[in-house]
């Protein structure tokens, strides 16, 4: 039985209402000449949102503790803040890029699902977004930070506390406690990042009935929050963009004494091989090409392909609002072929946006 991909079942936004001419022209120009800028803006915005949420909650926790005010925040709230930030970031950015993590970008590139030429600019945008978020949180909390620093200096405790997880600089830069065993800090980072990587690639698996595309951001965010709740006191970054952004922020605000020593390399880099290992483990141990795509994943991939086709070939026919019913296509050779993308760009985008 031969099945033909039915593009007519998709209703594009333009089929419902016409955007103002200036926006239509910008959209056409964006598709042709400026999509790279939109992708980078999306990556920067995603990391900004996730860092703004988590760093803001951390600021309330650290400063409240130092000022002797209990109840302003907690490790539980910090985990929830980072998790909620990830959900919001992915909901906003996944239609355009949705990596928000250099380790994810590098893993996609290493597996041939993302072009290497885009990697440096994606990572730069991710770090920039987090850097802006950290500086903005500092400005919002500057008065309280200065008051706490003055109080600590009066007790001759500022130098001992500042560049630790409990100090004002520790709100933005990631540190371990003085005398911490760096080998254990590496193990803590690697294991947590590896487990989050497994969750990410499980959510990207189109045959996983327990992780439909719409649930992916929530599942990933929950996994991230679990790691914060259980293991952040041991020193935890989980995202190179979060660590590098915070490190650049503290260097900007406090100078080179805020660099973080040898732990800085562990925080910035460990999650990258851990994520790549997670991708390899999931591919070799859990991926099974005999499984069927879930209906939600088929809708997601077909809808994205229809979007790419419309961008590539211009406006499609305006579809009537009646008579369009969801059609399920048998999973045979011809139907499976419809999931092959028509260009390398489509392949990269379909995998990227599934996140």
Protein backbone atom coordinates (compact mmCIF):
# COMPACT_ATOMS: atom_id res chain seq x y z
CA UNK A 1 0.00 0.00 0.00
CA UNK A 2 1.45 3.36 -1.02
CA UNK A 3 0.85 6.40 1.14
CA UNK A 4 1.40 9.98 0.04
CA UNK A 5 2.26 12.71 2.51
CA UNK A 6 -0.77 14.98 2.75
CA UNK A 7 0.44 18.58 3.10
CA UNK A 8 -3.10 19.91 2.72
CA UNK A 9 -4.04 18.90 6.24
CA UNK A 10 -1.86 21.70 7.65
CA UNK A 11 -3.31 25.12 8.30
CA UNK A 12 -0.61 27.78 8.43
CA UNK A 13 -0.96 30.95 10.45
CA UNK A 14 -1.16 32.94 7.20
CA UNK A 15 -4.23 30.92 6.25
CA UNK A 16 -6.08 32.31 9.27
CA UNK A 17 -5.12 35.97 9.16
CA UNK A 18 -2.88 38.25 7.17
CA UNK A 19 -0.09 39.96 9.08
CA UNK A 20 0.61 43.66 8.47
CA UNK A 21 2.64 44.24 5.33
CA UNK A 22 5.71 45.48 7.20
CA UNK A 23 5.79 42.28 9.27
CA UNK A 24 5.22 40.11 6.20
CA UNK A 25 8.17 41.75 4.44
CA UNK A 26 10.34 41.38 7.53
CA UNK A 27 9.36 37.71 7.76
CA UNK A 28 10.37 37.12 4.13
CA UNK A 29 13.67 38.93 4.67
CA UNK A 30 14.23 37.04 7.89
CA UNK A 31 13.77 33.70 6.14
CA UNK A 32 16.18 34.60 3.35
CA UNK A 33 18.87 36.76 4.94
CA UNK A 34 18.45 37.14 8.68
CA UNK A 35 17.50 33.73 10.02
CA UNK A 36 21.00 33.39 11.47
CA UNK A 37 20.37 36.47 13.60
CA UNK A 38 17.00 35.16 14.79
CA UNK A 39 18.61 31.84 15.77
CA UNK A 40 21.33 33.60 17.76
CA UNK A 41 18.81 35.92 19.40
CA UNK A 42 16.75 32.85 20.32
CA UNK A 43 19.74 31.12 21.91
CA UNK A 44 20.73 34.23 23.84
CA UNK A 45 17.15 34.79 24.99
CA UNK A 46 16.73 31.17 26.09
CA UNK A 47 19.84 31.20 28.28
CA UNK A 48 18.94 34.67 29.54
CA UNK A 49 15.53 33.46 30.76
CA UNK A 50 16.88 30.31 32.39
CA UNK A 51 19.74 32.16 34.12
CA UNK A 52 17.62 35.15 35.10
CA UNK A 53 15.18 32.84 36.90
CA UNK A 54 17.79 30.72 38.66
CA UNK A 55 20.31 33.44 39.53
CA UNK A 56 17.56 35.69 40.85
CA UNK A 57 16.37 32.98 43.21
CA UNK A 58 19.98 32.29 44.25
CA UNK A 59 20.45 35.99 45.03
CA UNK A 60 17.48 35.98 47.38
CA UNK A 61 18.76 32.84 49.11
CA UNK A 62 22.38 33.94 49.55
CA UNK A 63 21.69 37.53 50.53
CA UNK A 64 18.81 36.58 52.79
CA UNK A 65 21.02 34.08 54.61
CA UNK A 66 23.88 36.56 54.98
CA UNK A 67 21.50 39.25 56.22
CA UNK A 68 19.91 36.88 58.72
CA UNK A 69 16.50 36.94 57.02
CA UNK A 70 15.07 33.44 56.71
CA UNK A 71 12.41 32.35 54.25
CA UNK A 72 13.47 34.52 51.30
CA UNK A 73 14.51 31.49 49.28
CA UNK A 74 15.84 27.95 49.63
CA UNK A 75 17.59 25.20 47.66
CA UNK A 76 14.12 23.91 46.80
CA UNK A 77 13.08 27.28 45.41
CA UNK A 78 16.33 27.63 43.45
CA UNK A 79 15.73 24.25 41.82
CA UNK A 80 12.15 25.20 40.98
CA UNK A 81 13.33 28.56 39.59
CA UNK A 82 15.89 26.98 37.29
CA UNK A 83 13.38 24.34 36.23
CA UNK A 84 10.66 26.88 35.50
CA UNK A 85 13.21 29.00 33.63
CA UNK A 86 14.09 26.03 31.43
CA UNK A 87 10.43 25.35 30.64
CA UNK A 88 9.78 28.98 29.73
CA UNK A 89 13.00 29.23 27.72
CA UNK A 90 12.22 26.11 25.68
CA UNK A 91 8.59 27.07 25.12
CA UNK A 92 9.71 30.42 23.70
CA UNK A 93 12.79 29.35 21.73
CA UNK A 94 12.28 25.76 20.58
CA UNK A 95 10.44 26.78 17.42
CA UNK A 96 13.59 28.64 16.31
CA UNK A 97 16.58 26.96 17.96
CA UNK A 98 16.14 25.61 21.48
CA UNK A 99 19.63 24.36 22.39
CA UNK A 100 20.33 26.81 25.28
CA UNK A 101 23.31 24.66 26.23
CA UNK A 102 26.74 24.46 24.51
CA UNK A 103 26.97 20.76 25.36
CA UNK A 104 23.77 20.10 23.40
CA UNK A 105 25.02 22.18 20.47
CA UNK A 106 28.37 20.34 20.42
CA UNK A 107 26.72 16.93 20.74
CA UNK A 108 24.38 17.64 17.82
CA UNK A 109 27.37 18.79 15.75
CA UNK A 110 29.45 15.74 16.70
CA UNK A 111 26.63 13.41 15.62
CA UNK A 112 26.10 15.19 12.30
CA UNK A 113 22.76 16.73 13.23
CA UNK A 114 23.97 20.34 13.35
CA UNK A 115 26.51 22.17 11.17
CA UNK A 116 29.89 22.79 12.80
CA UNK A 117 30.10 26.23 11.20
CA UNK A 118 27.25 27.40 13.45
CA UNK A 119 28.70 26.06 16.69
CA UNK A 120 30.94 29.03 17.68
CA UNK A 121 28.23 31.61 17.11
CA UNK A 122 25.61 29.54 18.96
CA UNK A 123 27.89 29.13 21.99
CA UNK A 124 28.83 32.81 21.95
CA UNK A 125 25.15 33.79 21.89
CA UNK A 126 24.34 31.40 24.74
CA UNK A 127 27.10 32.81 26.93
CA UNK A 128 26.12 36.39 26.06
CA UNK A 129 22.51 35.76 27.10
CA UNK A 130 23.57 34.36 30.46
CA UNK A 131 26.09 37.18 30.98
CA UNK A 132 23.42 39.83 30.44
CA UNK A 133 21.10 37.99 32.83
CA UNK A 134 23.74 37.89 35.58
CA UNK A 135 24.58 41.57 35.20
CA UNK A 136 20.89 42.50 35.24
CA UNK A 137 20.28 40.51 38.43
CA UNK A 138 23.30 42.27 39.98
CA UNK A 139 21.85 45.68 39.12
CA UNK A 140 18.49 44.70 40.59
CA UNK A 141 20.10 43.47 43.82
CA UNK A 142 23.01 45.93 43.95
CA UNK A 143 21.80 47.88 46.99
CA UNK A 144 21.38 44.75 49.09
CA UNK A 145 24.66 43.27 47.81
CA UNK A 146 26.55 46.41 48.84
CA UNK A 147 24.92 46.39 52.29
CA UNK A 148 25.85 42.75 52.84
CA UNK A 149 29.43 43.39 51.68
CA UNK A 150 29.77 46.29 54.11
CA UNK A 151 28.45 44.12 56.95
CA UNK A 152 30.84 41.30 56.09
CA UNK A 153 33.78 43.69 55.78
CA UNK A 154 32.99 45.10 59.22
CA UNK A 155 33.39 41.58 60.60
CA UNK A 156 36.57 41.03 58.53
CA UNK A 157 34.75 38.13 56.83
CA UNK A 158 34.26 39.45 53.30
CA UNK A 159 37.46 38.05 51.80
CA UNK A 160 36.85 34.64 53.34
CA UNK A 161 33.21 34.37 52.26
CA UNK A 162 32.82 36.35 49.04
CA UNK A 163 34.18 33.83 46.54
CA UNK A 164 32.37 30.80 47.93
CA UNK A 165 28.87 29.44 47.27
CA UNK A 166 27.66 31.41 50.31
CA UNK A 167 29.19 34.76 49.27
CA UNK A 168 27.80 37.62 47.18
CA UNK A 169 30.03 36.67 44.25
CA UNK A 170 28.76 33.10 44.60
CA UNK A 171 25.35 34.27 43.43
CA UNK A 172 26.75 34.65 39.92
CA UNK A 173 29.99 32.68 39.73
CA UNK A 174 30.08 29.01 40.62
CA UNK A 175 32.48 27.99 43.40
CA UNK A 176 33.12 25.07 45.72
CA UNK A 177 33.73 25.36 49.44
CA UNK A 178 37.33 26.04 50.50
CA UNK A 179 39.25 22.78 50.75
CA UNK A 180 36.73 20.85 48.65
CA UNK A 181 38.04 17.74 46.87
CA UNK A 182 38.13 18.64 43.17
CA UNK A 183 37.98 15.00 42.11
CA UNK A 184 34.66 14.61 43.88
CA UNK A 185 33.49 17.91 42.41
CA UNK A 186 34.29 16.53 38.94
CA UNK A 187 32.44 13.28 39.69
CA UNK A 188 29.43 15.21 41.00
CA UNK A 189 29.31 17.37 37.86
CA UNK A 190 29.85 14.49 35.45
CA UNK A 191 27.22 12.15 36.90
CA UNK A 192 24.55 14.86 37.15
CA UNK A 193 25.23 16.16 33.63
CA UNK A 194 25.23 12.60 32.24
CA UNK A 195 21.83 11.83 33.77
CA UNK A 196 20.35 15.08 32.46
CA UNK A 197 21.79 14.20 29.04
CA UNK A 198 20.00 10.85 29.11
CA UNK A 199 16.76 12.66 29.90
CA UNK A 200 17.30 15.11 27.03
CA UNK A 201 17.87 12.37 24.47
CA UNK A 202 14.98 10.31 25.82
CA UNK A 203 12.76 13.35 25.26
CA UNK A 204 14.13 13.74 21.71
CA UNK A 205 13.34 10.09 20.89
CA UNK A 206 10.28 10.20 18.59
CA UNK A 207 9.38 6.62 19.56
CA UNK A 208 9.13 7.39 23.28
CA UNK A 209 5.43 7.29 24.14
CA UNK A 210 6.17 8.56 27.65
CA UNK A 211 7.78 11.77 26.39
CA UNK A 212 5.67 13.51 23.73
CA UNK A 213 7.24 16.71 22.34
CA UNK A 214 5.04 19.00 24.43
CA UNK A 215 6.13 17.26 27.63
CA UNK A 216 9.85 17.43 26.83
CA UNK A 217 10.56 20.84 28.42
CA UNK A 218 8.80 19.81 31.63
CA UNK A 219 10.63 16.49 31.90
CA UNK A 220 14.03 18.08 31.26
CA UNK A 221 13.29 20.87 33.73
CA UNK A 222 12.26 18.37 36.40
CA UNK A 223 15.48 16.41 35.91
CA UNK A 224 17.48 19.62 36.22
CA UNK A 225 15.66 20.62 39.39
CA UNK A 226 16.33 17.19 40.93
CA UNK A 227 20.06 17.66 40.40
CA UNK A 228 19.95 21.13 41.98
CA UNK A 229 18.00 19.86 44.98
CA UNK A 230 20.27 16.91 45.61
CA UNK A 231 23.75 17.88 44.50
CA UNK A 232 24.23 21.66 44.14
CA UNK A 233 25.86 21.99 47.61
CA UNK A 234 28.78 19.97 46.20
CA UNK A 235 29.31 22.42 43.33
CA UNK A 236 27.19 22.10 40.20
CA UNK A 237 27.10 23.97 36.87
CA UNK A 238 25.40 21.56 34.40
CA UNK A 239 25.62 24.11 31.59
CA UNK A 240 28.74 25.72 30.16
CA UNK A 241 26.80 28.85 29.20
CA UNK A 242 25.55 29.28 32.77
CA UNK A 243 29.04 28.83 34.21
CA UNK A 244 30.93 30.95 31.66
CA UNK A 245 28.33 33.72 31.81
CA UNK A 246 28.53 33.85 35.59
CA UNK A 247 32.33 33.67 35.51
CA UNK A 248 32.54 36.59 33.11
CA UNK A 249 30.09 38.52 35.27
CA UNK A 250 32.11 38.11 38.47
CA UNK A 251 35.32 38.96 36.61
CA UNK A 252 33.61 42.11 35.38
CA UNK A 253 32.32 43.03 38.85
CA UNK A 254 35.10 41.85 41.19
CA UNK A 255 38.17 41.43 38.97
CA UNK A 256 40.55 38.50 38.50
CA UNK A 257 40.36 37.43 42.15
CA UNK A 258 36.90 36.05 41.30
CA UNK A 259 38.29 33.63 38.67
CA UNK A 260 37.52 30.48 40.65
CA UNK A 261 40.85 28.68 40.43
CA UNK A 262 41.10 25.14 39.13
CA UNK A 263 37.44 24.46 39.78
CA UNK A 264 36.50 26.90 37.01
CA UNK A 265 37.59 24.43 34.33
CA UNK A 266 35.61 21.61 35.96
CA UNK A 267 32.47 23.71 36.12
CA UNK A 268 32.78 24.97 32.56
CA UNK A 269 33.80 21.83 30.67
CA UNK A 270 32.77 18.65 32.49
CA UNK A 271 29.17 18.69 31.29
CA UNK A 272 30.26 18.57 27.63
CA UNK A 273 31.82 15.05 27.56
CA UNK A 274 29.13 13.90 30.00
CA UNK A 275 26.39 14.98 27.58
CA UNK A 276 28.18 13.39 24.62
CA UNK A 277 28.52 10.14 26.56
CA UNK A 278 24.82 10.27 27.41
CA UNK A 279 24.00 10.64 23.70
CA UNK A 280 26.19 7.62 22.86
CA UNK A 281 24.70 5.50 25.64
CA UNK A 282 21.15 6.34 24.61
CA UNK A 283 21.91 5.62 20.95
CA UNK A 284 23.60 2.28 21.60
CA UNK A 285 21.48 1.00 24.48
CA UNK A 286 18.00 2.49 24.13
CA UNK A 287 17.37 3.56 20.52
CA UNK A 288 15.53 0.92 18.49
CA UNK A 289 14.74 1.53 14.82
CA UNK A 290 11.98 -1.11 14.92
CA UNK A 291 9.85 1.03 17.20
CA UNK A 292 7.09 3.18 15.75
CA UNK A 293 6.88 6.94 15.92
CA UNK A 294 4.30 8.20 18.35
CA UNK A 295 1.34 10.13 16.89
CA UNK A 296 2.49 13.28 18.70
CA UNK A 297 6.01 12.95 17.31
CA UNK A 298 4.65 12.37 13.78
CA UNK A 299 2.51 15.49 14.02
CA UNK A 300 5.48 17.44 15.35
CA UNK A 301 7.88 16.33 12.61
CA UNK A 302 5.34 16.62 9.79
CA UNK A 303 4.26 20.04 10.96
CA UNK A 304 7.86 21.21 11.09
CA UNK A 305 8.53 19.82 7.62
CA UNK A 306 5.47 21.67 6.31
CA UNK A 307 6.88 24.84 7.85
CA UNK A 308 10.24 24.31 6.15
CA UNK A 309 8.53 23.55 2.82
CA UNK A 310 6.50 26.74 3.02
CA UNK A 311 9.60 28.79 3.82
CA UNK A 312 11.49 27.19 0.94
CA UNK A 313 8.75 27.47 -1.70
CA UNK A 314 6.86 30.59 -0.67
CA UNK A 315 3.23 30.91 0.35
CA UNK A 316 1.15 27.78 0.11
CA UNK A 317 -2.44 27.68 -1.07
CA UNK A 318 -4.91 29.18 1.41
CA UNK A 319 -6.68 26.27 2.98
CA UNK A 320 -10.37 26.20 3.84
CA UNK A 321 -11.10 25.86 7.52
CA UNK A 322 -13.63 23.07 6.99
CA UNK A 323 -13.04 19.57 5.77
CA UNK A 324 -9.54 19.17 7.20
CA UNK A 325 -9.38 16.19 9.45
CA UNK A 326 -6.33 14.58 10.96
CA UNK A 327 -5.22 11.65 8.82
CA UNK A 328 -3.12 8.81 10.19
CA UNK A 329 -0.82 7.24 7.62
CA UNK A 330 0.22 3.60 7.80
CA UNK A 331 3.84 3.11 8.84
CA UNK A 332 5.24 1.47 5.74
CA UNK A 333 8.23 2.17 3.51
CA UNK A 334 6.59 5.01 1.60
CA UNK A 335 5.26 6.65 4.73
CA UNK A 336 8.59 6.35 6.49
CA UNK A 337 10.21 8.13 3.58
CA UNK A 338 8.13 11.21 4.27
CA UNK A 339 10.13 11.71 7.47
CA UNK A 340 13.36 12.11 5.52
CA UNK A 341 14.20 15.75 5.21
CA UNK A 342 14.77 17.39 1.87
CA UNK A 343 18.06 19.07 2.78
CA UNK A 344 20.79 19.14 5.40
CA UNK A 345 19.24 22.31 6.77
CA UNK A 346 15.93 20.58 7.30
CA UNK A 347 17.62 17.67 9.04
CA UNK A 348 19.44 19.95 11.43
CA UNK A 349 16.38 22.06 12.18
CA UNK A 350 14.04 19.09 12.74
CA UNK A 351 16.40 17.66 15.34
CA UNK A 352 17.16 21.04 16.92
CA UNK A 353 13.54 22.03 17.25
CA UNK A 354 12.50 18.69 18.71
CA UNK A 355 14.23 19.85 21.88
